[in-house]
Amino acid sequence: MANRHLARSVVLQTLFEWDTTSSDDKAAVEMLARNVEEFGGDDTDKPFMEALLQGVLAKKPDLDLVIEKAAPDWPLDRIAPIDRNILRIGLYELLFSDRAQVPAKVAINEAIELAKVFGGDSSGRFVNGVLGAVYKELGEPGKDEVGKKERVKREDLPLEKLGGAIVYAEHDGQIYLALVHDIFGRWTLSKGHIEGDPSPAQGVKRVVGEELGLMNVHVEDQVGENEYIASHPEKGKIRKHVYFFLVSSPFEPLVLKKSGGLDDTKWFRLPDILDLNFYDDMLPIVTAAVQKLLDRSSAKR
């Protein structure tokens, strides 16, 4: 099944580039084709992305007018470009999409998730406020149906298991971490689905081999786990449980698997990771792993 959350992310990247470079609509279509080729992944719905981009471009004057009315204290040129284009995507899906395909609440929730991941600290609240105001003006379509879905117990939601790896290597007396870089400019951990693996540790080993090209690794201590509820456009709400492990590796060249959302991988010395742009939910995991590595290093001296 196509990953429409990733699809929206690629369209957002395209709109951001189009907006900040003052390009025309034809250039935006070319940007999308390039981004789909580089970052779309095998399960991305290309027709959905093309239709979403074309829809936003065609309705841009109407969308911008709605933004101005819903956020009168924020002229368009004062809204951060990433937030501005998240609002355009969310409003287009809220106002013009087939609600049988994209319910109103899904359009809003997807935009909020984009804002939380790719925007600033207040982006999620800002996008929620603007889209929420428009939703109320529309008479809150689908409110009853969404309410029924929200009464489902957490433990009854579909569960997806993922494994994440803090991969490290020792080289010339230094400790290095292997990180991956996504299309929105942030460094993060190698992570993937492990439902079919005998154990989380074995799943993490497989993920590291497939995503980073590191085959001779050893999965060590588990350094954390978390669970959160995510909204999937087709599946609805799902429960995601992530296991994070410390993984040792020889200091070998990294070979990034071409997958949607990632564009680079690199080894970093421990002191150098302090200057990297991490996602907030990754910081506690990385910090715990780094502290464990430093404690081990001190104990050896």
Protein backbone atom coordinates (compact mmCIF):
# COMPACT_ATOMS: atom_id res chain seq x y z
CA MET A 1 0.00 0.00 0.00
CA ALA A 2 1.36 3.41 -0.92
CA ASN A 3 2.84 5.57 1.84
CA ARG A 4 0.91 8.81 1.50
CA HIS A 5 2.54 10.42 4.52
CA LEU A 6 5.88 10.14 2.72
CA ALA A 7 4.18 11.33 -0.47
CA ARG A 8 3.00 14.49 1.28
CA SER A 9 6.51 15.03 2.62
CA VAL A 10 7.97 14.89 -0.89
CA VAL A 11 5.31 17.32 -2.18
CA LEU A 12 6.12 19.62 0.75
CA GLN A 13 9.82 19.54 -0.13
CA THR A 14 8.92 20.41 -3.73
CA LEU A 15 6.65 23.30 -2.75
CA PHE A 16 9.27 24.62 -0.32
CA GLU A 17 11.91 24.63 -3.08
CA TRP A 18 9.47 26.15 -5.59
CA ASP A 19 8.41 28.87 -3.14
CA THR A 20 11.85 29.88 -1.87
CA THR A 21 13.34 30.03 -5.38
CA SER A 22 10.37 31.96 -6.85
CA SER A 23 10.08 29.38 -9.62
CA ASP A 24 7.16 28.94 -12.01
CA ASP A 25 4.68 26.07 -12.02
CA LYS A 26 6.48 24.20 -14.79
CA ALA A 27 9.65 24.20 -12.72
CA ALA A 28 7.68 22.86 -9.74
CA VAL A 29 6.56 19.86 -11.81
CA GLU A 30 10.18 19.20 -12.79
CA MET A 31 11.27 19.52 -9.15
CA LEU A 32 8.68 16.96 -8.12
CA ALA A 33 9.82 14.50 -10.79
CA ARG A 34 13.38 14.84 -9.53
CA ASN A 35 12.37 14.45 -5.89
CA VAL A 36 10.20 11.43 -6.62
CA GLU A 37 13.07 9.79 -8.45
CA GLU A 38 15.56 10.48 -5.65
CA PHE A 39 13.47 10.16 -2.49
CA GLY A 40 10.08 8.67 -3.33
CA GLY A 41 10.78 5.04 -2.50
CA ASP A 42 9.16 1.97 -4.01
CA ASP A 43 5.80 2.28 -2.25
CA THR A 44 5.09 5.95 -2.92
CA ASP A 45 1.92 6.92 -4.79
CA LYS A 46 3.28 9.01 -7.66
CA PRO A 47 -0.16 9.89 -9.15
CA PHE A 48 -1.27 11.08 -5.71
CA MET A 49 1.79 13.36 -5.42
CA GLU A 50 1.34 14.76 -8.90
CA ALA A 51 -2.36 15.46 -8.28
CA LEU A 52 -1.64 17.08 -4.91
CA LEU A 53 1.06 19.34 -6.32
CA GLN A 54 -1.02 20.36 -9.35
CA GLY A 55 -4.02 20.99 -7.10
CA VAL A 56 -2.10 23.24 -4.72
CA LEU A 57 -0.57 25.19 -7.61
CA ALA A 58 -3.94 25.63 -9.33
CA LYS A 59 -5.73 26.73 -6.16
CA LYS A 60 -2.87 28.80 -4.70
CA PRO A 61 -4.69 32.18 -4.93
CA ASP A 62 -7.73 30.74 -3.14
CA LEU A 63 -5.61 28.96 -0.56
CA ASP A 64 -3.56 32.05 0.22
CA LEU A 65 -6.74 34.10 0.60
CA VAL A 66 -8.08 31.58 3.13
CA ILE A 67 -4.79 31.74 5.04
CA GLU A 68 -4.96 35.52 5.18
CA LYS A 69 -8.53 35.41 6.52
CA ALA A 70 -7.87 32.64 9.02
CA ALA A 71 -4.61 34.19 10.29
CA PRO A 72 -5.13 37.97 9.92
CA ASP A 73 -2.21 38.79 12.21
CA TRP A 74 0.19 36.88 9.98
CA PRO A 75 0.73 38.24 6.46
CA LEU A 76 1.84 35.53 4.04
CA ASP A 77 5.35 36.92 3.70
CA ARG A 78 5.78 36.74 7.49
CA ILE A 79 4.84 33.08 7.70
CA ALA A 80 7.84 30.75 7.50
CA PRO A 81 8.02 29.15 4.02
CA ILE A 82 7.76 25.62 5.42
CA ASP A 83 4.65 26.55 7.46
CA ARG A 84 3.13 28.44 4.54
CA ASN A 85 3.35 25.42 2.26
CA ILE A 86 2.16 22.99 4.92
CA LEU A 87 -0.94 25.19 5.24
CA ARG A 88 -1.43 25.14 1.47
CA ILE A 89 -1.30 21.35 1.41
CA GLY A 90 -3.59 21.00 4.42
CA LEU A 91 -6.12 23.53 3.17
CA TYR A 92 -6.18 22.04 -0.31
CA GLU A 93 -6.95 18.59 1.08
CA LEU A 94 -9.46 20.03 3.55
CA LEU A 95 -11.31 22.19 1.02
CA PHE A 96 -10.92 20.50 -2.36
CA SER A 97 -10.08 16.81 -1.92
CA ASP A 98 -12.63 14.00 -2.12
CA ARG A 99 -13.59 13.47 1.54
CA ALA A 100 -14.15 9.79 0.88
CA GLN A 101 -10.44 9.58 0.07
CA VAL A 102 -9.13 12.19 2.52
CA PRO A 103 -11.48 12.87 5.45
CA ALA A 104 -11.29 16.35 6.93
CA LYS A 105 -9.64 15.18 10.13
CA VAL A 106 -7.04 13.22 8.19
CA ALA A 107 -6.15 16.34 6.17
CA ILE A 108 -5.71 18.34 9.37
CA ASN A 109 -3.80 15.66 11.26
CA GLU A 110 -1.45 15.01 8.36
CA ALA A 111 -0.64 18.73 8.09
CA ILE A 112 -0.01 18.95 11.84
CA GLU A 113 2.33 15.96 11.66
CA LEU A 114 4.27 17.61 8.82
CA ALA A 115 4.55 20.77 10.91
CA LYS A 116 5.79 18.91 13.98
CA VAL A 117 8.42 17.07 12.00
CA PHE A 118 9.64 19.73 9.58
CA GLY A 119 8.63 23.05 11.11
CA GLY A 120 9.77 25.02 14.14
CA ASP A 121 8.80 24.67 17.79
CA SER A 122 5.48 26.49 17.34
CA SER A 123 4.63 25.26 13.82
CA GLY A 124 2.33 22.46 14.97
CA ARG A 125 0.24 24.82 17.12
CA PHE A 126 0.11 27.44 14.37
CA VAL A 127 -1.00 24.99 11.66
CA ASN A 128 -3.50 23.42 14.03
CA GLY A 129 -4.95 26.84 14.83
CA VAL A 130 -5.38 27.92 11.22
CA LEU A 131 -6.79 24.63 9.94
CA GLY A 132 -8.94 24.21 13.04
CA ALA A 133 -10.52 27.61 12.45
CA VAL A 134 -11.32 26.73 8.84
CA TYR A 135 -12.67 23.32 9.91
CA LYS A 136 -15.10 24.99 12.31
CA GLU A 137 -16.23 27.40 9.59
CA LEU A 138 -17.02 24.37 7.44
CA GLY A 139 -19.28 22.99 10.18
CA GLU A 140 -16.79 20.35 11.39
CA PRO A 141 -17.47 17.75 8.67
CA GLY A 142 -16.97 14.14 9.76
CA LYS A 143 -16.85 15.06 13.44
CA ASP A 144 -19.09 12.18 14.56
CA GLU A 145 -17.24 9.56 12.53
CA VAL A 146 -13.87 10.67 13.86
CA GLY A 147 -15.23 10.66 17.40
CA LYS A 148 -16.13 7.01 17.05
CA LYS A 149 -12.66 6.14 15.86
CA GLU A 150 -11.03 8.01 18.74
CA ARG A 151 -12.86 5.84 21.27
CA VAL A 152 -10.86 2.79 20.17
CA LYS A 153 -8.57 1.65 22.97
CA ARG A 154 -4.85 2.16 22.49
CA GLU A 155 -4.12 -1.56 22.89
CA ASP A 156 -6.66 -2.39 20.16
CA LEU A 157 -4.89 -0.29 17.51
CA PRO A 158 -2.80 -2.07 14.85
CA LEU A 159 0.79 -2.43 16.06
CA GLU A 160 3.90 -1.82 13.98
CA LYS A 161 7.31 -2.78 15.41
CA LEU A 162 10.43 -0.89 14.37
CA GLY A 163 14.07 -1.16 15.28
CA GLY A 164 16.51 1.73 15.48
CA ALA A 165 20.31 1.55 15.69
CA ILE A 166 22.96 3.76 17.22
CA VAL A 167 25.81 2.38 15.13
CA TYR A 168 29.31 3.11 16.41
CA ALA A 169 32.87 2.25 15.41
CA GLU A 170 36.31 2.89 16.89
CA HIS A 171 38.95 4.29 14.53
CA ASP A 172 42.34 5.90 15.26
CA GLY A 173 41.47 6.22 18.94
CA GLN A 174 38.17 7.98 18.22
CA ILE A 175 34.56 6.83 18.53
CA TYR A 176 32.40 7.44 15.46
CA LEU A 177 28.62 7.24 14.97
CA ALA A 178 26.96 6.30 11.66
CA LEU A 179 23.97 8.58 11.02
CA VAL A 180 21.55 9.02 8.13
CA HIS A 181 20.41 12.34 6.66
CA ASP A 182 16.87 13.03 5.47
CA ILE A 183 15.56 15.28 2.71
CA PHE A 184 14.63 18.02 5.17
CA GLY A 185 18.14 18.54 6.43
CA ARG A 186 18.23 16.58 9.68
CA TRP A 187 20.50 13.79 10.87
CA THR A 188 18.87 10.80 12.51
CA LEU A 189 19.25 7.09 13.26
CA SER A 190 18.96 4.13 10.94
CA LYS A 191 15.50 2.61 11.53
CA GLY A 192 13.16 0.10 9.91
CA HIS A 193 10.31 -2.35 10.34
CA ILE A 194 11.11 -5.58 12.21
CA GLU A 195 7.72 -7.35 12.39
CA GLY A 196 9.03 -10.39 10.52
CA ASP A 197 12.22 -10.86 12.54
CA PRO A 198 12.68 -13.43 15.36
CA SER A 199 13.66 -10.70 17.85
CA PRO A 200 14.12 -6.91 17.94
CA ALA A 201 17.90 -7.33 18.11
CA GLN A 202 17.99 -9.54 15.02
CA GLY A 203 15.68 -7.12 13.23
CA VAL A 204 17.98 -4.20 14.00
CA LYS A 205 20.98 -6.12 12.66
CA ARG A 206 19.12 -6.77 9.40
CA VAL A 207 18.00 -3.13 9.12
CA VAL A 208 21.59 -1.87 9.56
CA GLY A 209 22.82 -4.23 6.88
CA GLU A 210 20.11 -3.28 4.42
CA GLU A 211 20.11 0.47 5.02
CA LEU A 212 23.80 1.22 5.63
CA GLY A 213 25.51 -1.69 3.88
CA LEU A 214 27.20 -2.78 7.15
CA MET A 215 27.04 -6.57 7.38
CA ASN A 216 29.64 -7.41 10.05
CA VAL A 217 27.94 -5.71 13.01
CA HIS A 218 27.21 -6.77 16.59
CA VAL A 219 24.00 -5.72 18.32
CA GLU A 220 24.76 -4.86 21.95
CA ASP A 221 22.64 -3.20 24.63
CA GLN A 222 19.16 -1.86 24.19
CA VAL A 223 19.38 1.83 25.05
CA GLY A 224 15.73 2.80 24.87
CA GLU A 225 12.32 2.27 23.36
CA ASN A 226 9.26 4.38 22.79
CA GLU A 227 5.73 4.02 21.55
CA TYR A 228 3.51 6.54 19.86
CA ILE A 229 0.26 6.81 17.93
CA ALA A 230 0.54 7.79 14.28
CA SER A 231 -2.16 8.61 11.76
CA HIS A 232 -1.95 6.72 8.48
CA PRO A 233 -4.11 8.03 5.60
CA GLU A 234 -5.30 4.54 4.63
CA LYS A 235 -4.94 2.53 7.86
CA GLY A 236 -6.13 5.23 10.24
CA LYS A 237 -4.50 5.34 13.68
CA ILE A 238 -1.71 2.86 14.31
CA ARG A 239 0.51 2.14 17.30
CA LYS A 240 4.25 2.24 16.58
CA HIS A 241 6.72 0.70 19.02
CA VAL A 242 10.40 1.38 18.42
CA TYR A 243 13.33 -0.52 20.01
CA PHE A 244 16.71 1.25 19.97
CA PHE A 245 19.96 -0.71 20.25
CA LEU A 246 23.63 0.15 20.44
CA VAL A 247 25.36 -1.55 17.50
CA SER A 248 29.13 -1.92 17.06
CA SER A 249 30.66 -2.05 13.61
CA PRO A 250 34.03 -1.98 11.88
CA PHE A 251 34.89 1.46 10.53
CA GLU A 252 33.90 0.65 6.96
CA PRO A 253 32.47 2.76 4.10
CA LEU A 254 28.73 3.35 4.43
CA VAL A 255 26.47 2.55 1.48
CA LEU A 256 23.04 4.13 1.81
CA LYS A 257 20.12 2.14 0.50
CA LYS A 258 18.04 4.27 -1.83
CA SER A 259 14.87 4.75 0.16
CA GLY A 260 12.21 7.39 0.46
CA GLY A 261 13.16 10.30 2.67
CA LEU A 262 16.92 9.66 3.05
CA ASP A 263 19.65 11.20 0.95
CA ASP A 264 22.98 10.68 2.75
CA THR A 265 24.83 8.72 5.43
CA LYS A 266 28.11 9.53 7.14
CA TRP A 267 30.40 8.68 10.05
CA PHE A 268 30.74 11.41 12.69
CA ARG A 269 33.20 11.69 15.58
CA LEU A 270 31.40 11.96 18.92
CA PRO A 271 32.43 15.63 19.51
CA ASP A 272 31.10 16.60 16.08
CA ILE A 273 27.54 15.37 16.65
CA LEU A 274 26.93 18.23 19.10
CA ASP A 275 26.54 20.60 16.15
CA LEU A 276 24.08 18.42 14.19
CA ASN A 277 20.40 19.15 13.70
CA PHE A 278 18.55 16.21 15.32
CA TYR A 279 14.84 15.64 15.77
CA ASP A 280 13.72 16.27 19.33
CA ASP A 281 12.56 12.71 19.95
CA MET A 282 15.96 11.34 18.89
CA LEU A 283 18.01 13.45 21.31
CA PRO A 284 17.30 11.39 24.47
CA ILE A 285 18.13 8.15 22.65
CA VAL A 286 21.37 9.49 21.15
CA THR A 287 22.34 11.10 24.47
CA ALA A 288 21.84 7.83 26.37
CA ALA A 289 23.91 5.92 23.82
CA VAL A 290 26.73 8.48 23.81
CA GLN A 291 26.87 8.48 27.61
CA LYS A 292 27.15 4.69 27.63
CA LEU A 293 30.00 4.83 25.12
CA LEU A 294 31.81 7.54 27.11
CA ASP A 295 31.42 5.56 30.33
CA ARG A 296 32.93 2.50 28.66
CA SER A 297 35.80 4.56 27.30
CA SER A 298 36.53 6.02 30.73
CA ALA A 299 36.45 2.57 32.34
CA LYS A 300 39.15 1.34 29.93
CA ARG A 301 41.61 4.04 30.94
